[in-house]
Amino acid sequence: MPTSTAGGLSPGLYIVATPIGNLADLSPRAADILARADVLAVEDSRVTAKLLRHIGAKRPMMPYHDHNADQVRPGLIERLGTQAIALVSDAGTPLISDPGFKLVRDARAAGHAVTTIPGPCAAIAALTLAGLPTDRFLFMGFLPAKQGARAATIAEVAAVRTTLIFYESGPRLHAALTALAEGLGDRDAAVTREISKAYEEAVCAPLSMLAERYAETTPKGEIVIVIAPPGAAPPPDEEDVETLLRDALSRLPASKAAAEVSRVTGVPRPELYAKAMTMKGDAE
């Protein structure tokens, strides 16, 4: 087996992040990999062709997207033993709301090298523009299109105490913002679009105001919604805490019961452990 390909790269899969707007955001290392890879696995060859023209390169391309991945993947895996294959999405970092994780999984399972060439990611870029807490965040991708499924997805994360990030399209933005305001409450949020382009925009306001703003306007470009964590919750009722702890003690040792109730109520675990030990003593 050769130790390098015709372009001088070692055989394997190269995950290449590409610009989400300004083509100048392509890193020198990413440009070098794209120019030397044996083949590029791409979402849309027309989009990637523009990027190749920008760096003055011509490389063979083959489509790899949600609709053909299962058919194309075995052939790609077979070629990785002797070829350098670069995986790119239309914009940003592959695998982030784009096809690719199964390719990475199968490549590793087959013993092939997998290398990442990091770079632009719309979710992270939007987070830096929003002015909302960044210490913890949850990326949720695209909300479901159907109203019921969308509401259920929002309900799943309503109590999660972290900044939330969603991708959305212009035509669905108003409905998404309305559903988010209904399901999460009127939290601070930001709608960002055209990131790194000439008309980059970050509109920051409560969710209800954002829903109203985009009720009659369908913005262009890829959109990221960033939403603040829920406000501080009121302290849990002491009787409720004792009820939860008593139930947990009927199933678990004191230490595990304290940990379980702490996760649910936010009450410090040592405090709950001491209370649990008192309860056990009283019961005995």
Protein backbone atom coordinates (compact mmCIF):
# COMPACT_ATOMS: atom_id res chain seq x y z
CA MET A 1 0.00 0.00 0.00
CA PRO A 2 1.42 3.43 -0.90
CA THR A 3 2.38 5.80 1.86
CA SER A 4 1.25 8.83 -0.13
CA THR A 5 -1.02 9.67 -3.04
CA ALA A 6 -0.21 11.36 -6.33
CA GLY A 7 -0.73 14.71 -4.60
CA GLY A 8 1.63 13.78 -1.79
CA LEU A 9 -1.09 13.29 0.82
CA SER A 10 -1.34 10.16 2.91
CA PRO A 11 -4.35 8.00 1.98
CA GLY A 12 -7.39 8.55 4.15
CA LEU A 13 -10.39 10.76 4.78
CA TYR A 14 -9.89 14.50 5.20
CA ILE A 15 -12.80 16.44 6.71
CA VAL A 16 -12.41 19.96 5.33
CA ALA A 17 -14.29 22.98 6.68
CA THR A 18 -15.14 25.52 3.98
CA PRO A 19 -16.31 29.17 4.15
CA ILE A 20 -19.87 29.96 5.20
CA GLY A 21 -19.72 33.28 3.35
CA ASN A 22 -16.49 35.08 2.61
CA LEU A 23 -14.24 32.83 0.52
CA ALA A 24 -11.20 34.43 2.15
CA ASP A 25 -12.12 32.49 5.31
CA LEU A 26 -10.78 29.29 3.72
CA SER A 27 -7.63 28.40 5.65
CA PRO A 28 -4.34 27.87 3.81
CA ARG A 29 -4.24 24.28 5.06
CA ALA A 30 -7.77 23.60 3.80
CA ALA A 31 -6.88 25.10 0.40
CA ASP A 32 -3.79 22.88 0.22
CA ILE A 33 -5.78 19.72 1.00
CA LEU A 34 -8.47 20.56 -1.55
CA ALA A 35 -5.85 21.21 -4.23
CA ARG A 36 -4.01 17.92 -3.62
CA ALA A 37 -6.72 15.40 -2.71
CA ASP A 38 -7.36 12.61 -5.20
CA VAL A 39 -11.10 13.22 -5.11
CA LEU A 40 -13.52 15.53 -3.31
CA ALA A 41 -16.74 14.09 -1.86
CA VAL A 42 -19.14 17.02 -2.13
CA GLU A 43 -22.76 17.96 -1.46
CA ASP A 44 -23.10 20.02 -4.63
CA SER A 45 -20.34 20.08 -7.25
CA ARG A 46 -21.47 23.51 -8.48
CA VAL A 47 -20.86 25.05 -5.06
CA THR A 48 -17.50 23.36 -4.57
CA ALA A 49 -16.44 24.29 -8.12
CA LYS A 50 -16.70 27.97 -7.16
CA LEU A 51 -14.39 27.35 -4.21
CA LEU A 52 -11.90 25.49 -6.40
CA ARG A 53 -11.87 28.36 -8.88
CA HIS A 54 -11.15 30.73 -5.99
CA ILE A 55 -7.96 28.81 -5.12
CA GLY A 56 -7.06 28.08 -8.75
CA ALA A 57 -7.44 24.31 -8.50
CA LYS A 58 -9.22 21.58 -10.42
CA ARG A 59 -9.95 18.26 -8.75
CA PRO A 60 -12.27 15.32 -9.48
CA MET A 61 -15.52 15.52 -7.54
CA MET A 62 -18.18 12.99 -6.67
CA PRO A 63 -21.53 13.68 -4.98
CA TYR A 64 -22.00 12.59 -1.38
CA HIS A 65 -25.24 13.76 0.24
CA ASP A 66 -28.27 12.50 2.17
CA HIS A 67 -29.94 11.05 -0.91
CA ASN A 68 -27.06 8.88 -2.18
CA ALA A 69 -24.85 8.33 0.88
CA ASP A 70 -25.83 4.70 1.51
CA GLN A 71 -25.03 3.75 -2.10
CA VAL A 72 -21.82 5.77 -2.43
CA ARG A 73 -20.26 5.13 0.98
CA PRO A 74 -18.99 1.55 0.41
CA GLY A 75 -17.08 2.63 -2.68
CA LEU A 76 -15.52 5.57 -0.85
CA ILE A 77 -14.44 3.35 2.01
CA GLU A 78 -12.76 0.96 -0.43
CA ARG A 79 -10.85 3.80 -2.08
CA LEU A 80 -9.56 5.24 1.20
CA GLY A 81 -6.83 2.63 1.37
CA THR A 82 -5.02 4.14 -1.61
CA GLN A 83 -6.50 7.60 -2.08
CA ALA A 84 -6.81 10.86 -0.19
CA ILE A 85 -10.50 11.80 -0.18
CA ALA A 86 -11.61 15.22 1.06
CA LEU A 87 -15.15 15.51 2.42
CA VAL A 88 -16.70 18.97 2.10
CA SER A 89 -20.19 20.37 2.61
CA ASP A 90 -21.64 23.29 0.71
CA ALA A 91 -20.58 25.60 3.54
CA GLY A 92 -19.05 25.28 6.98
CA THR A 93 -17.86 22.19 8.81
CA PRO A 94 -18.97 18.80 7.44
CA LEU A 95 -21.10 16.63 9.75
CA ILE A 96 -22.70 19.69 11.44
CA SER A 97 -26.27 19.30 10.10
CA ASP A 98 -24.68 17.78 6.99
CA PRO A 99 -24.11 14.17 5.91
CA GLY A 100 -20.89 12.50 6.92
CA PHE A 101 -20.86 10.90 10.37
CA LYS A 102 -21.53 7.43 8.96
CA LEU A 103 -18.65 7.87 6.53
CA VAL A 104 -16.31 8.80 9.39
CA ARG A 105 -17.57 5.89 11.48
CA ASP A 106 -17.14 3.34 8.70
CA ALA A 107 -13.73 4.73 7.70
CA ARG A 108 -12.46 4.29 11.25
CA ALA A 109 -13.99 0.82 11.50
CA ALA A 110 -12.13 -0.16 8.32
CA GLY A 111 -8.85 1.08 9.79
CA HIS A 112 -8.40 4.15 7.59
CA ALA A 113 -6.93 7.44 8.76
CA VAL A 114 -9.37 10.28 9.43
CA THR A 115 -8.09 13.84 9.66
CA THR A 116 -9.99 17.04 10.34
CA ILE A 117 -9.09 20.42 8.87
CA PRO A 118 -11.10 22.75 11.16
CA GLY A 119 -12.55 26.06 10.12
CA PRO A 120 -15.84 27.97 9.78
CA CYS A 121 -19.01 26.75 11.48
CA ALA A 122 -22.22 28.79 11.34
CA ALA A 123 -23.39 27.68 14.80
CA ILE A 124 -20.19 28.82 16.51
CA ALA A 125 -19.99 32.03 14.48
CA ALA A 126 -23.57 32.93 15.39
CA LEU A 127 -22.87 32.25 19.05
CA THR A 128 -20.04 34.78 18.99
CA LEU A 129 -22.34 37.41 17.42
CA ALA A 130 -25.36 36.92 19.69
CA GLY A 131 -24.00 38.35 22.94
CA LEU A 132 -25.57 35.49 24.92
CA PRO A 133 -23.92 33.09 27.41
CA THR A 134 -21.30 30.91 25.72
CA ASP A 135 -20.07 28.77 28.62
CA ARG A 136 -22.66 26.07 27.84
CA PHE A 137 -24.66 25.65 24.64
CA LEU A 138 -26.74 23.00 22.90
CA PHE A 139 -26.84 22.75 19.11
CA MET A 140 -30.20 21.45 17.89
CA GLY A 141 -29.87 21.68 14.11
CA PHE A 142 -33.10 22.30 12.18
CA LEU A 143 -36.47 22.16 13.93
CA PRO A 144 -39.00 19.74 12.40
CA ALA A 145 -41.24 21.30 9.75
CA LYS A 146 -44.50 19.86 11.10
CA GLN A 147 -46.13 21.83 13.91
CA GLY A 148 -46.62 18.92 16.33
CA ALA A 149 -43.12 17.53 15.96
CA ARG A 150 -41.67 21.03 16.25
CA ALA A 151 -43.54 21.69 19.49
CA ALA A 152 -42.43 18.34 20.91
CA THR A 153 -38.78 19.06 20.09
CA ILE A 154 -38.97 22.48 21.75
CA ALA A 155 -40.62 20.95 24.84
CA GLU A 156 -37.72 18.52 25.18
CA VAL A 157 -35.23 21.34 25.71
CA ALA A 158 -37.43 23.90 27.47
CA ALA A 159 -35.94 23.14 30.89
CA VAL A 160 -32.34 22.75 29.72
CA ARG A 161 -30.32 25.49 31.38
CA THR A 162 -28.06 26.34 28.50
CA THR A 163 -27.96 28.55 25.41
CA LEU A 164 -29.77 26.91 22.48
CA ILE A 165 -28.75 27.09 18.82
CA PHE A 166 -31.02 26.25 15.88
CA TYR A 167 -30.59 26.43 12.10
CA GLU A 168 -33.53 27.71 10.08
CA SER A 169 -34.54 28.81 6.59
CA GLY A 170 -36.10 32.15 5.65
CA PRO A 171 -39.57 30.85 4.70
CA ARG A 172 -39.90 28.94 8.01
CA LEU A 173 -38.36 31.59 10.28
CA HIS A 174 -41.56 33.27 11.49
CA ALA A 175 -43.26 29.96 12.35
CA ALA A 176 -40.12 28.75 14.13
CA LEU A 177 -39.75 31.93 16.20
CA THR A 178 -43.45 31.86 17.13
CA ALA A 179 -43.21 28.24 18.26
CA LEU A 180 -40.03 28.93 20.21
CA ALA A 181 -41.61 31.88 22.02
CA GLU A 182 -44.63 29.76 22.91
CA GLY A 183 -42.58 26.77 24.06
CA LEU A 184 -39.67 28.50 25.80
CA GLY A 185 -41.16 31.78 26.99
CA ASP A 186 -40.07 35.23 25.88
CA ARG A 187 -36.32 34.71 26.24
CA ASP A 188 -33.63 36.94 24.81
CA ALA A 189 -32.48 35.64 21.43
CA ALA A 190 -30.66 36.56 18.25
CA VAL A 191 -31.35 35.88 14.59
CA THR A 192 -28.13 35.87 12.59
CA ARG A 193 -27.73 35.51 8.85
CA GLU A 194 -25.31 36.16 5.99
CA ILE A 195 -22.46 35.52 8.40
CA SER A 196 -19.09 36.83 7.11
CA LYS A 197 -20.77 38.31 4.02
CA ALA A 198 -21.22 41.98 3.15
CA TYR A 199 -24.73 42.09 4.65
CA GLU A 200 -24.00 40.14 7.82
CA GLU A 201 -26.80 40.73 10.33
CA ALA A 202 -27.45 39.86 13.96
CA VAL A 203 -30.84 41.03 15.28
CA CYS A 204 -31.05 40.69 19.07
CA ALA A 205 -34.41 40.91 20.91
CA PRO A 206 -36.88 38.81 22.92
CA LEU A 207 -38.35 35.92 20.94
CA SER A 208 -41.80 37.52 20.68
CA MET A 209 -40.34 40.67 19.14
CA LEU A 210 -38.27 38.66 16.69
CA ALA A 211 -41.36 36.68 15.67
CA GLU A 212 -43.21 39.94 15.08
CA ARG A 213 -40.29 41.41 13.10
CA TYR A 214 -40.19 38.49 10.69
CA ALA A 215 -43.97 38.02 10.38
CA GLU A 216 -44.09 39.83 7.05
CA THR A 217 -40.43 39.56 6.06
CA THR A 218 -38.71 36.50 4.61
CA PRO A 219 -34.97 37.06 4.99
CA LYS A 220 -32.51 35.54 2.57
CA GLY A 221 -29.46 33.48 3.39
CA GLU A 222 -28.76 30.75 5.92
CA ILE A 223 -30.13 31.63 9.34
CA VAL A 224 -29.03 30.72 12.86
CA ILE A 225 -31.25 31.33 15.91
CA VAL A 226 -29.45 31.65 19.26
CA ILE A 227 -31.58 31.63 22.42
CA ALA A 228 -30.60 32.52 25.99
CA PRO A 229 -30.94 29.98 28.81
CA PRO A 230 -34.08 30.12 30.96
CA GLY A 231 -34.08 32.63 33.81
CA ALA A 232 -33.24 31.65 37.34
CA ALA A 233 -35.77 29.14 38.60
CA PRO A 234 -37.55 29.75 41.92
CA PRO A 235 -36.18 27.72 44.82
CA PRO A 236 -37.84 24.30 45.02
CA ASP A 237 -40.51 23.77 47.66
CA GLU A 238 -39.06 21.99 50.69
CA GLU A 239 -41.94 19.53 50.90
CA ASP A 240 -41.52 18.65 47.21
CA VAL A 241 -37.82 18.05 47.75
CA GLU A 242 -38.52 15.75 50.70
CA THR A 243 -41.10 13.83 48.68
CA LEU A 244 -38.66 13.34 45.81
CA LEU A 245 -35.90 12.31 48.20
CA ARG A 246 -38.14 9.85 50.04
CA ASP A 247 -39.12 8.26 46.73
CA ALA A 248 -35.49 8.05 45.63
CA LEU A 249 -34.47 6.46 48.94
CA SER A 250 -37.02 3.71 48.37
CA ARG A 251 -35.04 2.70 45.29
CA LEU A 252 -31.47 3.83 45.82
CA PRO A 253 -28.72 4.16 48.43
CA ALA A 254 -28.53 7.56 50.12
CA SER A 255 -25.64 8.87 48.00
CA LYS A 256 -27.30 7.98 44.71
CA ALA A 257 -30.69 9.24 45.88
CA ALA A 258 -29.13 12.58 46.81
CA ALA A 259 -27.44 12.81 43.41
CA GLU A 260 -30.67 12.05 41.55
CA VAL A 261 -32.72 14.65 43.45
CA SER A 262 -29.93 17.22 43.11
CA ARG A 263 -30.03 16.90 39.33
CA VAL A 264 -33.78 17.49 39.32
CA THR A 265 -34.05 20.30 41.87
CA GLY A 266 -30.67 22.02 41.83
CA VAL A 267 -30.35 21.60 45.59
CA PRO A 268 -26.68 20.89 46.49
CA ARG A 269 -25.94 17.19 46.77
CA PRO A 270 -24.20 17.37 50.20
CA GLU A 271 -27.29 19.06 51.64
CA LEU A 272 -29.53 16.37 50.22
CA TYR A 273 -27.22 13.59 51.41
CA ALA A 274 -27.36 14.91 54.96
CA LYS A 275 -31.16 15.08 54.75
CA ALA A 276 -31.27 11.55 53.31
CA MET A 277 -29.18 10.17 56.17
CA THR A 278 -31.51 11.88 58.66
CA MET A 279 -34.52 10.35 56.93
CA LYS A 280 -32.93 6.90 57.07
CA GLY A 281 -32.15 7.35 60.76
CA ASP A 282 -35.71 8.40 61.54
CA ALA A 283 -37.05 5.43 59.60
CA GLU A 284 -34.88 3.03 61.56
